[in-house]
Amino acid sequence: ALYEAQHRFVSRLGEGLIDLLAPQAGERILDLGCGTGHLTQQIA
């Protein structure tokens, strides 16, 4: 709950990393240490 309320910046600052990943449709990707899943959804 504290993470969601006060530390969403952790996921927000990781959004540029997804551009570096450049996920493609159909690829199988593991989000290691996914936390509350916000970047997992962006990859999906």
PDB file of all heavy atoms in Angstrom:
ATOM      1  N   ALA A   1       0.836  -1.203   0.000  1.00  0.00           N
ATOM      2  CA  ALA A   1       0.000   0.000   0.000  1.00  0.00           C
ATOM      3  C   ALA A   1       0.874   1.258   0.000  1.00  0.00           C
ATOM      4  O   ALA A   1       0.614   2.215  -0.743  1.00  0.00           O
ATOM      5  CB  ALA A   1      -0.939  -0.010   1.193  1.00  0.00           C
ATOM      6  N   LEU A   2       1.910   1.275   0.840  1.00  0.00           N
ATOM      7  CA  LEU A   2       2.825   2.420   0.864  1.00  0.00           C
ATOM      8  C   LEU A   2       3.557   2.548  -0.463  1.00  0.00           C
ATOM      9  O   LEU A   2       3.758   3.654  -0.974  1.00  0.00           O
ATOM     10  CB  LEU A   2       3.823   2.265   2.018  1.00  0.00           C
ATOM     11  CG  LEU A   2       4.873   3.376   2.159  1.00  0.00           C
ATOM     12  CD1 LEU A   2       4.212   4.723   2.410  1.00  0.00           C
ATOM     13  CD2 LEU A   2       5.853   3.036   3.290  1.00  0.00           C
ATOM     14  N   TYR A   3       3.934   1.420  -1.022  1.00  0.00           N
ATOM     15  CA  TYR A   3       4.618   1.438  -2.314  1.00  0.00           C
ATOM     16  C   TYR A   3       3.731   2.071  -3.388  1.00  0.00           C
ATOM     17  O   TYR A   3       4.174   2.926  -4.162  1.00  0.00           O
ATOM     18  CB  TYR A   3       4.994   0.005  -2.698  1.00  0.00           C
ATOM     19  CG  TYR A   3       5.878  -0.113  -3.917  1.00  0.00           C
ATOM     20  CD1 TYR A   3       7.261  -0.092  -3.793  1.00  0.00           C
ATOM     21  CD2 TYR A   3       5.330  -0.243  -5.192  1.00  0.00           C
ATOM     22  CE1 TYR A   3       8.075  -0.200  -4.903  1.00  0.00           C
ATOM     23  CE2 TYR A   3       6.138  -0.350  -6.310  1.00  0.00           C
ATOM     24  CZ  TYR A   3       7.510  -0.339  -6.158  1.00  0.00           C
ATOM     25  OH  TYR A   3       8.309  -0.435  -7.272  1.00  0.00           O
ATOM     26  N   GLU A   4       2.471   1.669  -3.433  1.00  0.00           N
ATOM     27  CA  GLU A   4       1.546   2.215  -4.426  1.00  0.00           C
ATOM     28  C   GLU A   4       1.283   3.694  -4.191  1.00  0.00           C
ATOM     29  O   GLU A   4       1.197   4.485  -5.130  1.00  0.00           O
ATOM     30  CB  GLU A   4       0.225   1.453  -4.391  1.00  0.00           C
ATOM     31  CG  GLU A   4       0.285   0.068  -5.001  1.00  0.00           C
ATOM     32  CD  GLU A   4       0.340   0.104  -6.513  1.00  0.00           C
ATOM     33  OE1 GLU A   4       1.467   0.218  -7.056  1.00  0.00           O
ATOM     34  OE2 GLU A   4      -0.718   0.042  -7.164  1.00  0.00           O
ATOM     35  N   ALA A   5       1.168   4.084  -2.925  1.00  0.00           N
ATOM     36  CA  ALA A   5       0.790   5.459  -2.611  1.00  0.00           C
ATOM     37  C   ALA A   5       1.930   6.447  -2.776  1.00  0.00           C
ATOM     38  O   ALA A   5       1.731   7.565  -3.260  1.00  0.00           O
ATOM     39  CB  ALA A   5       0.253   5.526  -1.181  1.00  0.00           C
ATOM     40  N   GLN A   6       3.160   6.042  -2.403  1.00  0.00           N
ATOM     41  CA  GLN A   6       4.252   7.008  -2.327  1.00  0.00           C
ATOM     42  C   GLN A   6       5.458   6.682  -3.213  1.00  0.00           C
ATOM     43  O   GLN A   6       6.356   7.522  -3.320  1.00  0.00           O
ATOM     44  CB  GLN A   6       4.745   7.116  -0.872  1.00  0.00           C
ATOM     45  CG  GLN A   6       3.690   7.607   0.096  1.00  0.00           C
ATOM     46  CD  GLN A   6       3.330   9.058  -0.128  1.00  0.00           C
ATOM     47  OE1 GLN A   6       4.113   9.821  -0.672  1.00  0.00           O
ATOM     48  NE2 GLN A   6       2.127   9.446   0.283  1.00  0.00           N
ATOM     49  N   HIS A   7       5.484   5.512  -3.827  1.00  0.00           N
ATOM     50  CA  HIS A   7       6.695   5.107  -4.541  1.00  0.00           C
ATOM     51  C   HIS A   7       6.426   4.639  -5.969  1.00  0.00           C
ATOM     52  O   HIS A   7       7.187   3.863  -6.536  1.00  0.00           O
ATOM     53  CB  HIS A   7       7.442   4.030  -3.736  1.00  0.00           C
ATOM     54  CG  HIS A   7       7.892   4.528  -2.392  1.00  0.00           C
ATOM     55  ND1 HIS A   7       7.091   4.436  -1.280  1.00  0.00           N
ATOM     56  CD2 HIS A   7       9.016   5.169  -2.000  1.00  0.00           C
ATOM     57  CE1 HIS A   7       7.719   4.984  -0.250  1.00  0.00           C
ATOM     58  NE2 HIS A   7       8.887   5.434  -0.669  1.00  0.00           N
ATOM     59  N   ARG A   8       5.356   5.144  -6.556  1.00  0.00           N
ATOM     60  CA  ARG A   8       5.082   4.824  -7.950  1.00  0.00           C
ATOM     61  C   ARG A   8       6.164   5.378  -8.879  1.00  0.00           C
ATOM     62  O   ARG A   8       6.275   4.962 -10.027  1.00  0.00           O
ATOM     63  CB  ARG A   8       3.713   5.379  -8.364  1.00  0.00           C
ATOM     64  CG  ARG A   8       2.527   4.620  -7.772  1.00  0.00           C
ATOM     65  CD  ARG A   8       2.270   3.302  -8.478  1.00  0.00           C
ATOM     66  NE  ARG A   8       1.851   3.511  -9.833  1.00  0.00           N
ATOM     67  CZ  ARG A   8       0.597   3.702 -10.216  1.00  0.00           C
ATOM     68  NH1 ARG A   8      -0.366   3.736  -9.313  1.00  0.00           N
ATOM     69  NH2 ARG A   8       0.289   3.868 -11.489  1.00  0.00           N
ATOM     70  N   PHE A   9       6.973   6.319  -8.363  1.00  0.00           N
ATOM     71  CA  PHE A   9       8.060   6.847  -9.188  1.00  0.00           C
ATOM     72  C   PHE A   9       9.035   5.753  -9.610  1.00  0.00           C
ATOM     73  O   PHE A   9       9.709   5.881 -10.632  1.00  0.00           O
ATOM     74  CB  PHE A   9       8.811   7.979  -8.458  1.00  0.00           C
ATOM     75  CG  PHE A   9       9.599   7.533  -7.245  1.00  0.00           C
ATOM     76  CD1 PHE A   9      10.877   7.022  -7.380  1.00  0.00           C
ATOM     77  CD2 PHE A   9       9.068   7.647  -5.975  1.00  0.00           C
ATOM     78  CE1 PHE A   9      11.608   6.619  -6.270  1.00  0.00           C
ATOM     79  CE2 PHE A   9       9.788   7.255  -4.860  1.00  0.00           C
ATOM     80  CZ  PHE A   9      11.065   6.737  -5.008  1.00  0.00           C
ATOM     81  N   VAL A  10       9.118   4.670  -8.844  1.00  0.00           N
ATOM     82  CA  VAL A  10      10.024   3.574  -9.207  1.00  0.00           C
ATOM     83  C   VAL A  10       9.630   3.001 -10.563  1.00  0.00           C
ATOM     84  O   VAL A  10      10.468   2.802 -11.445  1.00  0.00           O
ATOM     85  CB  VAL A  10      10.013   2.482  -8.115  1.00  0.00           C
ATOM     86  CG1 VAL A  10      10.874   1.302  -8.541  1.00  0.00           C
ATOM     87  CG2 VAL A  10      10.516   3.048  -6.788  1.00  0.00           C
ATOM     88  N   SER A  11       8.332   2.749 -10.744  1.00  0.00           N
ATOM     89  CA  SER A  11       7.853   2.261 -12.037  1.00  0.00           C
ATOM     90  C   SER A  11       7.937   3.345 -13.104  1.00  0.00           C
ATOM     91  O   SER A  11       8.339   3.072 -14.242  1.00  0.00           O
ATOM     92  CB  SER A  11       6.406   1.779 -11.916  1.00  0.00           C
ATOM     93  OG  SER A  11       6.317   0.677 -11.050  1.00  0.00           O
ATOM     94  N   ARG A  12       7.570   4.558 -12.731  1.00  0.00           N
ATOM     95  CA  ARG A  12       7.555   5.648 -13.712  1.00  0.00           C
ATOM     96  C   ARG A  12       8.941   5.881 -14.304  1.00  0.00           C
ATOM     97  O   ARG A  12       9.098   6.079 -15.515  1.00  0.00           O
ATOM     98  CB  ARG A  12       7.021   6.919 -13.057  1.00  0.00           C
ATOM     99  CG  ARG A  12       6.833   8.085 -14.003  1.00  0.00           C
ATOM    100  CD  ARG A  12       6.082   9.215 -13.331  1.00  0.00           C
ATOM    101  NE  ARG A  12       6.834   9.780 -12.210  1.00  0.00           N
ATOM    102  CZ  ARG A  12       6.517   9.648 -10.933  1.00  0.00           C
ATOM    103  NH1 ARG A  12       5.459   8.949 -10.587  1.00  0.00           N
ATOM    104  NH2 ARG A  12       7.252  10.209  -9.978  1.00  0.00           N
ATOM    105  N   LEU A  13       9.963   5.825 -13.459  1.00  0.00           N
ATOM    106  CA  LEU A  13      11.318   6.062 -13.944  1.00  0.00           C
ATOM    107  C   LEU A  13      11.848   4.877 -14.744  1.00  0.00           C
ATOM    108  O   LEU A  13      12.869   5.002 -15.416  1.00  0.00           O
ATOM    109  CB  LEU A  13      12.241   6.373 -12.767  1.00  0.00           C
ATOM    110  CG  LEU A  13      11.960   7.714 -12.072  1.00  0.00           C
ATOM    111  CD1 LEU A  13      12.793   7.851 -10.809  1.00  0.00           C
ATOM    112  CD2 LEU A  13      12.217   8.878 -13.013  1.00  0.00           C
ATOM    113  N   GLY A  14      11.174   3.742 -14.671  1.00  0.00           N
ATOM    114  CA  GLY A  14      11.584   2.589 -15.459  1.00  0.00           C
ATOM    115  C   GLY A  14      10.939   2.519 -16.831  1.00  0.00           C
ATOM    116  O   GLY A  14      11.253   1.625 -17.625  1.00  0.00           O
ATOM    117  N   GLU A  15      10.048   3.469 -17.138  1.00  0.00           N
ATOM    118  CA  GLU A  15       9.324   3.389 -18.408  1.00  0.00           C
ATOM    119  C   GLU A  15      10.259   3.507 -19.612  1.00  0.00           C
ATOM    120  O   GLU A  15      10.067   2.846 -20.627  1.00  0.00           O
ATOM    121  CB  GLU A  15       8.244   4.473 -18.447  1.00  0.00           C
ATOM    122  CG  GLU A  15       7.100   4.191 -17.472  1.00  0.00           C
ATOM    123  CD  GLU A  15       6.103   5.336 -17.399  1.00  0.00           C
ATOM    124  OE1 GLU A  15       6.335   6.366 -18.059  1.00  0.00           O
ATOM    125  OE2 GLU A  15       5.099   5.194 -16.673  1.00  0.00           O
ATOM    126  N   GLY A  16      11.299   4.342 -19.515  1.00  0.00           N
ATOM    127  CA  GLY A  16      12.241   4.465 -20.620  1.00  0.00           C
ATOM    128  C   GLY A  16      13.005   3.185 -20.889  1.00  0.00           C
ATOM    129  O   GLY A  16      13.472   2.948 -22.012  1.00  0.00           O
ATOM    130  N   LEU A  17      13.115   2.348 -19.867  1.00  0.00           N
ATOM    131  CA  LEU A  17      13.806   1.073 -20.030  1.00  0.00           C
ATOM    132  C   LEU A  17      13.034   0.150 -20.971  1.00  0.00           C
ATOM    133  O   LEU A  17      13.630  -0.682 -21.660  1.00  0.00           O
ATOM    134  CB  LEU A  17      13.977   0.421 -18.661  1.00  0.00           C
ATOM    135  CG  LEU A  17      15.044  -0.659 -18.506  1.00  0.00           C
ATOM    136  CD1 LEU A  17      16.428  -0.108 -18.788  1.00  0.00           C
ATOM    137  CD2 LEU A  17      14.984  -1.246 -17.092  1.00  0.00           C
ATOM    138  N   ILE A  18      11.716   0.298 -20.998  1.00  0.00           N
ATOM    139  CA  ILE A  18      10.909  -0.524 -21.900  1.00  0.00           C
ATOM    140  C   ILE A  18      11.226  -0.187 -23.355  1.00  0.00           C
ATOM    141  O   ILE A  18      11.246  -1.072 -24.214  1.00  0.00           O
ATOM    142  CB  ILE A  18       9.411  -0.345 -21.587  1.00  0.00           C
ATOM    143  CG1 ILE A  18       9.110  -0.878 -20.184  1.00  0.00           C
ATOM    144  CG2 ILE A  18       8.553  -1.072 -22.625  1.00  0.00           C
ATOM    145  CD1 ILE A  18       7.676  -0.694 -19.758  1.00  0.00           C
ATOM    146  N   ASP A  19      11.496   1.079 -23.644  1.00  0.00           N
ATOM    147  CA  ASP A  19      11.893   1.442 -25.005  1.00  0.00           C
ATOM    148  C   ASP A  19      13.177   0.727 -25.397  1.00  0.00           C
ATOM    149  O   ASP A  19      13.341   0.295 -26.536  1.00  0.00           O
ATOM    150  CB  ASP A  19      12.096   2.957 -25.112  1.00  0.00           C
ATOM    151  CG  ASP A  19      10.807   3.733 -24.917  1.00  0.00           C
ATOM    152  OD1 ASP A  19       9.725   3.167 -25.188  1.00  0.00           O
ATOM    153  OD2 ASP A  19      10.874   4.895 -24.489  1.00  0.00           O
ATOM    154  N   LEU A  20      14.092   0.599 -24.435  1.00  0.00           N
ATOM    155  CA  LEU A  20      15.344  -0.113 -24.702  1.00  0.00           C
ATOM    156  C   LEU A  20      15.086  -1.600 -24.910  1.00  0.00           C
ATOM    157  O   LEU A  20      15.733  -2.244 -25.743  1.00  0.00           O
ATOM    158  CB  LEU A  20      16.290   0.105 -23.532  1.00  0.00           C
ATOM    159  CG  LEU A  20      17.784  -0.127 -23.749  1.00  0.00           C
ATOM    160  CD1 LEU A  20      18.322   0.750 -24.870  1.00  0.00           C
ATOM    161  CD2 LEU A  20      18.543   0.143 -22.452  1.00  0.00           C
ATOM    162  N   LEU A  21      14.137  -2.154 -24.192  1.00  0.00           N
ATOM    163  CA  LEU A  21      13.757  -3.555 -24.369  1.00  0.00           C
ATOM    164  C   LEU A  21      13.137  -3.795 -25.740  1.00  0.00           C
ATOM    165  O   LEU A  21      13.356  -4.832 -26.354  1.00  0.00           O
ATOM    166  CB  LEU A  21      12.768  -3.953 -23.272  1.00  0.00           C
ATOM    167  CG  LEU A  21      12.173  -5.355 -23.338  1.00  0.00           C
ATOM    168  CD1 LEU A  21      13.238  -6.414 -23.056  1.00  0.00           C
ATOM    169  CD2 LEU A  21      11.011  -5.485 -22.340  1.00  0.00           C
ATOM    170  N   ALA A  22      12.364  -2.825 -26.212  1.00  0.00           N
ATOM    171  CA  ALA A  22      11.676  -2.911 -27.510  1.00  0.00           C
ATOM    172  C   ALA A  22      10.924  -4.236 -27.653  1.00  0.00           C
ATOM    173  O   ALA A  22      11.188  -5.021 -28.578  1.00  0.00           O
ATOM    174  CB  ALA A  22      12.675  -2.740 -28.648  1.00  0.00           C
ATOM    175  N   PRO A  23       9.960  -4.508 -26.773  1.00  0.00           N
ATOM    176  CA  PRO A  23       9.227  -5.783 -26.842  1.00  0.00           C
ATOM    177  C   PRO A  23       8.424  -5.882 -28.129  1.00  0.00           C
ATOM    178  O   PRO A  23       7.874  -4.894 -28.618  1.00  0.00           O
ATOM    179  CB  PRO A  23       8.314  -5.725 -25.620  1.00  0.00           C
ATOM    180  CG  PRO A  23       8.151  -4.260 -25.330  1.00  0.00           C
ATOM    181  CD  PRO A  23       9.438  -3.622 -25.711  1.00  0.00           C
ATOM    182  N   GLN A  24       8.365  -7.094 -28.647  1.00  0.00           N
ATOM    183  CA  GLN A  24       7.650  -7.352 -29.898  1.00  0.00           C
ATOM    184  C   GLN A  24       6.463  -8.266 -29.638  1.00  0.00           C
ATOM    185  O   GLN A  24       6.478  -9.108 -28.732  1.00  0.00           O
ATOM    186  CB  GLN A  24       8.592  -8.009 -30.919  1.00  0.00           C
ATOM    187  CG  GLN A  24       9.839  -7.194 -31.231  1.00  0.00           C
ATOM    188  CD  GLN A  24       9.524  -5.859 -31.854  1.00  0.00           C
ATOM    189  OE1 GLN A  24       8.780  -5.795 -32.846  1.00  0.00           O
ATOM    190  NE2 GLN A  24      10.066  -4.784 -31.303  1.00  0.00           N
ATOM    191  N   ALA A  25       5.432  -8.104 -30.439  1.00  0.00           N
ATOM    192  CA  ALA A  25       4.242  -8.941 -30.316  1.00  0.00           C
ATOM    193  C   ALA A  25       4.619 -10.411 -30.422  1.00  0.00           C
ATOM    194  O   ALA A  25       5.390 -10.804 -31.302  1.00  0.00           O
ATOM    195  CB  ALA A  25       3.228  -8.574 -31.389  1.00  0.00           C
ATOM    196  N   GLY A  26       4.112 -11.207 -29.518  1.00  0.00           N
ATOM    197  CA  GLY A  26       4.356 -12.642 -29.534  1.00  0.00           C
ATOM    198  C   GLY A  26       5.580 -13.084 -28.764  1.00  0.00           C
ATOM    199  O   GLY A  26       5.736 -14.280 -28.488  1.00  0.00           O
ATOM    200  N   GLU A  27       6.479 -12.179 -28.408  1.00  0.00           N
ATOM    201  CA  GLU A  27       7.659 -12.567 -27.643  1.00  0.00           C
ATOM    202  C   GLU A  27       7.264 -13.003 -26.229  1.00  0.00           C
ATOM    203  O   GLU A  27       6.313 -12.476 -25.651  1.00  0.00           O
ATOM    204  CB  GLU A  27       8.644 -11.402 -27.524  1.00  0.00           C
ATOM    205  CG  GLU A  27       9.466 -11.148 -28.756  1.00  0.00           C
ATOM    206  CD  GLU A  27      10.591 -10.152 -28.478  1.00  0.00           C
ATOM    207  OE1 GLU A  27      10.337  -9.116 -27.829  1.00  0.00           O
ATOM    208  OE2 GLU A  27      11.715 -10.410 -28.916  1.00  0.00           O
ATOM    209  N   ARG A  28       8.031 -13.944 -25.692  1.00  0.00           N
ATOM    210  CA  ARG A  28       7.871 -14.348 -24.291  1.00  0.00           C
ATOM    211  C   ARG A  28       8.883 -13.553 -23.467  1.00  0.00           C
ATOM    212  O   ARG A  28      10.088 -13.676 -23.675  1.00  0.00           O
ATOM    213  CB  ARG A  28       8.090 -15.843 -24.117  1.00  0.00           C
ATOM    214  CG  ARG A  28       7.086 -16.710 -24.849  1.00  0.00           C
ATOM    215  CD  ARG A  28       7.265 -18.183 -24.495  1.00  0.00           C
ATOM    216  NE  ARG A  28       6.833 -18.483 -23.130  1.00  0.00           N
ATOM    217  CZ  ARG A  28       7.643 -18.772 -22.129  1.00  0.00           C
ATOM    218  NH1 ARG A  28       8.955 -18.806 -22.309  1.00  0.00           N
ATOM    219  NH2 ARG A  28       7.165 -19.048 -20.918  1.00  0.00           N
ATOM    220  N   ILE A  29       8.369 -12.757 -22.531  1.00  0.00           N
ATOM    221  CA  ILE A  29       9.222 -11.868 -21.752  1.00  0.00           C
ATOM    222  C   ILE A  29       8.954 -12.073 -20.267  1.00  0.00           C
ATOM    223  O   ILE A  29       7.806 -12.168 -19.831  1.00  0.00           O
ATOM    224  CB  ILE A  29       8.986 -10.398 -22.148  1.00  0.00           C
ATOM    225  CG1 ILE A  29       9.386 -10.189 -23.620  1.00  0.00           C
ATOM    226  CG2 ILE A  29       9.790  -9.457 -21.245  1.00  0.00           C
ATOM    227  CD1 ILE A  29       9.145  -8.787 -24.140  1.00  0.00           C
ATOM    228  N   LEU A  30      10.025 -12.139 -19.498  1.00  0.00           N
ATOM    229  CA  LEU A  30       9.946 -12.266 -18.047  1.00  0.00           C
ATOM    230  C   LEU A  30      10.276 -10.916 -17.419  1.00  0.00           C
ATOM    231  O   LEU A  30      11.328 -10.339 -17.689  1.00  0.00           O
ATOM    232  CB  LEU A  30      10.942 -13.321 -17.556  1.00  0.00           C
ATOM    233  CG  LEU A  30      11.012 -13.523 -16.039  1.00  0.00           C
ATOM    234  CD1 LEU A  30       9.710 -14.139 -15.515  1.00  0.00           C
ATOM    235  CD2 LEU A  30      12.202 -14.413 -15.662  1.00  0.00           C
ATOM    236  N   ASP A  31       9.362 -10.419 -16.578  1.00  0.00           N
ATOM    237  CA  ASP A  31       9.601  -9.204 -15.802  1.00  0.00           C
ATOM    238  C   ASP A  31      10.072  -9.653 -14.419  1.00  0.00           C
ATOM    239  O   ASP A  31       9.273 -10.063 -13.583  1.00  0.00           O
ATOM    240  CB  ASP A  31       8.325  -8.367 -15.719  1.00  0.00           C
ATOM    241  CG  ASP A  31       8.529  -7.063 -14.958  1.00  0.00           C
ATOM    242  OD1 ASP A  31       9.657  -6.797 -14.513  1.00  0.00           O
ATOM    243  OD2 ASP A  31       7.540  -6.311 -14.817  1.00  0.00           O
ATOM    244  N   LEU A  32      11.369  -9.571 -14.202  1.00  0.00           N
ATOM    245  CA  LEU A  32      11.994 -10.107 -12.991  1.00  0.00           C
ATOM    246  C   LEU A  32      11.991  -9.047 -11.890  1.00  0.00           C
ATOM    247  O   LEU A  32      12.619  -7.998 -12.027  1.00  0.00           O
ATOM    248  CB  LEU A  32      13.427 -10.547 -13.309  1.00  0.00           C
ATOM    249  CG  LEU A  32      14.247 -11.115 -12.161  1.00  0.00           C
ATOM    250  CD1 LEU A  32      13.597 -12.383 -11.607  1.00  0.00           C
ATOM    251  CD2 LEU A  32      15.675 -11.410 -12.616  1.00  0.00           C
ATOM    252  N   GLY A  33      11.285  -9.337 -10.794  1.00  0.00           N
ATOM    253  CA  GLY A  33      11.097  -8.351  -9.744  1.00  0.00           C
ATOM    254  C   GLY A  33      10.022  -7.360 -10.136  1.00  0.00           C
ATOM    255  O   GLY A  33      10.197  -6.154 -10.084  1.00  0.00           O
ATOM    256  N   CYS A  34       8.860  -7.881 -10.497  1.00  0.00           N
ATOM    257  CA  CYS A  34       7.807  -7.076 -11.138  1.00  0.00           C
ATOM    258  C   CYS A  34       7.086  -6.154 -10.175  1.00  0.00           C
ATOM    259  O   CYS A  34       6.368  -5.242 -10.615  1.00  0.00           O
ATOM    260  CB  CYS A  34       6.805  -7.989 -11.826  1.00  0.00           C
ATOM    261  SG  CYS A  34       5.919  -9.097 -10.682  1.00  0.00           S
ATOM    262  N   GLY A  35       7.208  -6.368  -8.857  1.00  0.00           N
ATOM    263  CA  GLY A  35       6.510  -5.511  -7.908  1.00  0.00           C
ATOM    264  C   GLY A  35       5.011  -5.546  -8.117  1.00  0.00           C
ATOM    265  O   GLY A  35       4.405  -6.614  -8.236  1.00  0.00           O
ATOM    266  N   THR A  36       4.391  -4.377  -8.208  1.00  0.00           N
ATOM    267  CA  THR A  36       2.940  -4.307  -8.329  1.00  0.00           C
ATOM    268  C   THR A  36       2.455  -4.329  -9.775  1.00  0.00           C
ATOM    269  O   THR A  36       1.268  -4.096 -10.028  1.00  0.00           O
ATOM    270  CB  THR A  36       2.406  -3.062  -7.613  1.00  0.00           C
ATOM    271  OG1 THR A  36       3.093  -1.895  -8.090  1.00  0.00           O
ATOM    272  CG2 THR A  36       2.620  -3.170  -6.105  1.00  0.00           C
ATOM    273  N   GLY A  37       3.340  -4.581 -10.711  1.00  0.00           N
ATOM    274  CA  GLY A  37       2.925  -4.962 -12.056  1.00  0.00           C
ATOM    275  C   GLY A  37       2.738  -3.864 -13.082  1.00  0.00           C
ATOM    276  O   GLY A  37       2.351  -4.152 -14.217  1.00  0.00           O
ATOM    277  N   HIS A  38       3.039  -2.624 -12.753  1.00  0.00           N
ATOM    278  CA  HIS A  38       2.752  -1.543 -13.700  1.00  0.00           C
ATOM    279  C   HIS A  38       3.581  -1.645 -14.979  1.00  0.00           C
ATOM    280  O   HIS A  38       3.064  -1.453 -16.085  1.00  0.00           O
ATOM    281  CB  HIS A  38       2.956  -0.187 -13.027  1.00  0.00           C
ATOM    282  CG  HIS A  38       2.068   0.027 -11.847  1.00  0.00           C
ATOM    283  ND1 HIS A  38       0.693  -0.017 -11.935  1.00  0.00           N
ATOM    284  CD2 HIS A  38       2.355   0.252 -10.530  1.00  0.00           C
ATOM    285  CE1 HIS A  38       0.168   0.190 -10.738  1.00  0.00           C
ATOM    286  NE2 HIS A  38       1.164   0.349  -9.865  1.00  0.00           N
ATOM    287  N   LEU A  39       4.857  -1.958 -14.837  1.00  0.00           N
ATOM    288  CA  LEU A  39       5.679  -2.099 -16.033  1.00  0.00           C
ATOM    289  C   LEU A  39       5.385  -3.415 -16.751  1.00  0.00           C
ATOM    290  O   LEU A  39       5.520  -3.497 -17.978  1.00  0.00           O
ATOM    291  CB  LEU A  39       7.162  -1.997 -15.666  1.00  0.00           C
ATOM    292  CG  LEU A  39       7.594  -0.629 -15.133  1.00  0.00           C
ATOM    293  CD1 LEU A  39       9.076  -0.631 -14.768  1.00  0.00           C
ATOM    294  CD2 LEU A  39       7.310   0.471 -16.135  1.00  0.00           C
ATOM    295  N   THR A  40       4.978  -4.423 -16.017  1.00  0.00           N
ATOM    296  CA  THR A  40       4.571  -5.684 -16.645  1.00  0.00           C
ATOM    297  C   THR A  40       3.440  -5.427 -17.637  1.00  0.00           C
ATOM    298  O   THR A  40       3.444  -5.939 -18.760  1.00  0.00           O
ATOM    299  CB  THR A  40       4.103  -6.685 -15.572  1.00  0.00           C
ATOM    300  OG1 THR A  40       4.958  -6.622 -14.432  1.00  0.00           O
ATOM    301  CG2 THR A  40       4.087  -8.097 -16.119  1.00  0.00           C
ATOM    302  N   GLN A  41       2.470  -4.614 -17.214  1.00  0.00           N
ATOM    303  CA  GLN A  41       1.359  -4.290 -18.103  1.00  0.00           C
ATOM    304  C   GLN A  41       1.833  -3.489 -19.307  1.00  0.00           C
ATOM    305  O   GLN A  41       1.357  -3.709 -20.434  1.00  0.00           O
ATOM    306  CB  GLN A  41       0.299  -3.495 -17.340  1.00  0.00           C
ATOM    307  CG  GLN A  41      -0.881  -3.051 -18.200  1.00  0.00           C
ATOM    308  CD  GLN A  41      -1.642  -4.219 -18.790  1.00  0.00           C
ATOM    309  OE1 GLN A  41      -2.093  -5.103 -18.072  1.00  0.00           O
ATOM    310  NE2 GLN A  41      -1.790  -4.242 -20.118  1.00  0.00           N
ATOM    311  N   GLN A  42       2.746  -2.564 -19.105  1.00  0.00           N
ATOM    312  CA  GLN A  42       3.234  -1.786 -20.240  1.00  0.00           C
ATOM    313  C   GLN A  42       3.936  -2.670 -21.261  1.00  0.00           C
ATOM    314  O   GLN A  42       3.828  -2.446 -22.467  1.00  0.00           O
ATOM    315  CB  GLN A  42       4.155  -0.672 -19.753  1.00  0.00           C
ATOM    316  CG  GLN A  42       3.422   0.430 -19.011  1.00  0.00           C
ATOM    317  CD  GLN A  42       4.279   1.659 -18.813  1.00  0.00           C
ATOM    318  OE1 GLN A  42       5.096   2.010 -19.657  1.00  0.00           O
ATOM    319  NE2 GLN A  42       4.103   2.326 -17.685  1.00  0.00           N
ATOM    320  N   ILE A  43       4.659  -3.662 -20.795  1.00  0.00           N
ATOM    321  CA  ILE A  43       5.287  -4.612 -21.718  1.00  0.00           C
ATOM    322  C   ILE A  43       4.201  -5.404 -22.448  1.00  0.00           C
ATOM    323  O   ILE A  43       4.276  -5.621 -23.663  1.00  0.00           O
ATOM    324  CB  ILE A  43       6.239  -5.549 -20.962  1.00  0.00           C
ATOM    325  CG1 ILE A  43       7.406  -4.749 -20.363  1.00  0.00           C
ATOM    326  CG2 ILE A  43       6.774  -6.635 -21.895  1.00  0.00           C
ATOM    327  CD1 ILE A  43       8.271  -5.551 -19.411  1.00  0.00           C
ATOM    328  N   ALA A  44       3.188  -5.826 -21.712  1.00  0.00           N
ATOM    329  CA  ALA A  44       2.092  -6.587 -22.328  1.00  0.00           C
ATOM    330  C   ALA A  44       1.362  -5.775 -23.384  1.00  0.00           C
ATOM    331  O   ALA A  44       0.835  -6.331 -24.355  1.00  0.00           O
ATOM    332  CB  ALA A  44       1.120  -7.060 -21.257  1.00  0.00           C
TER     333      ALA A  44
END
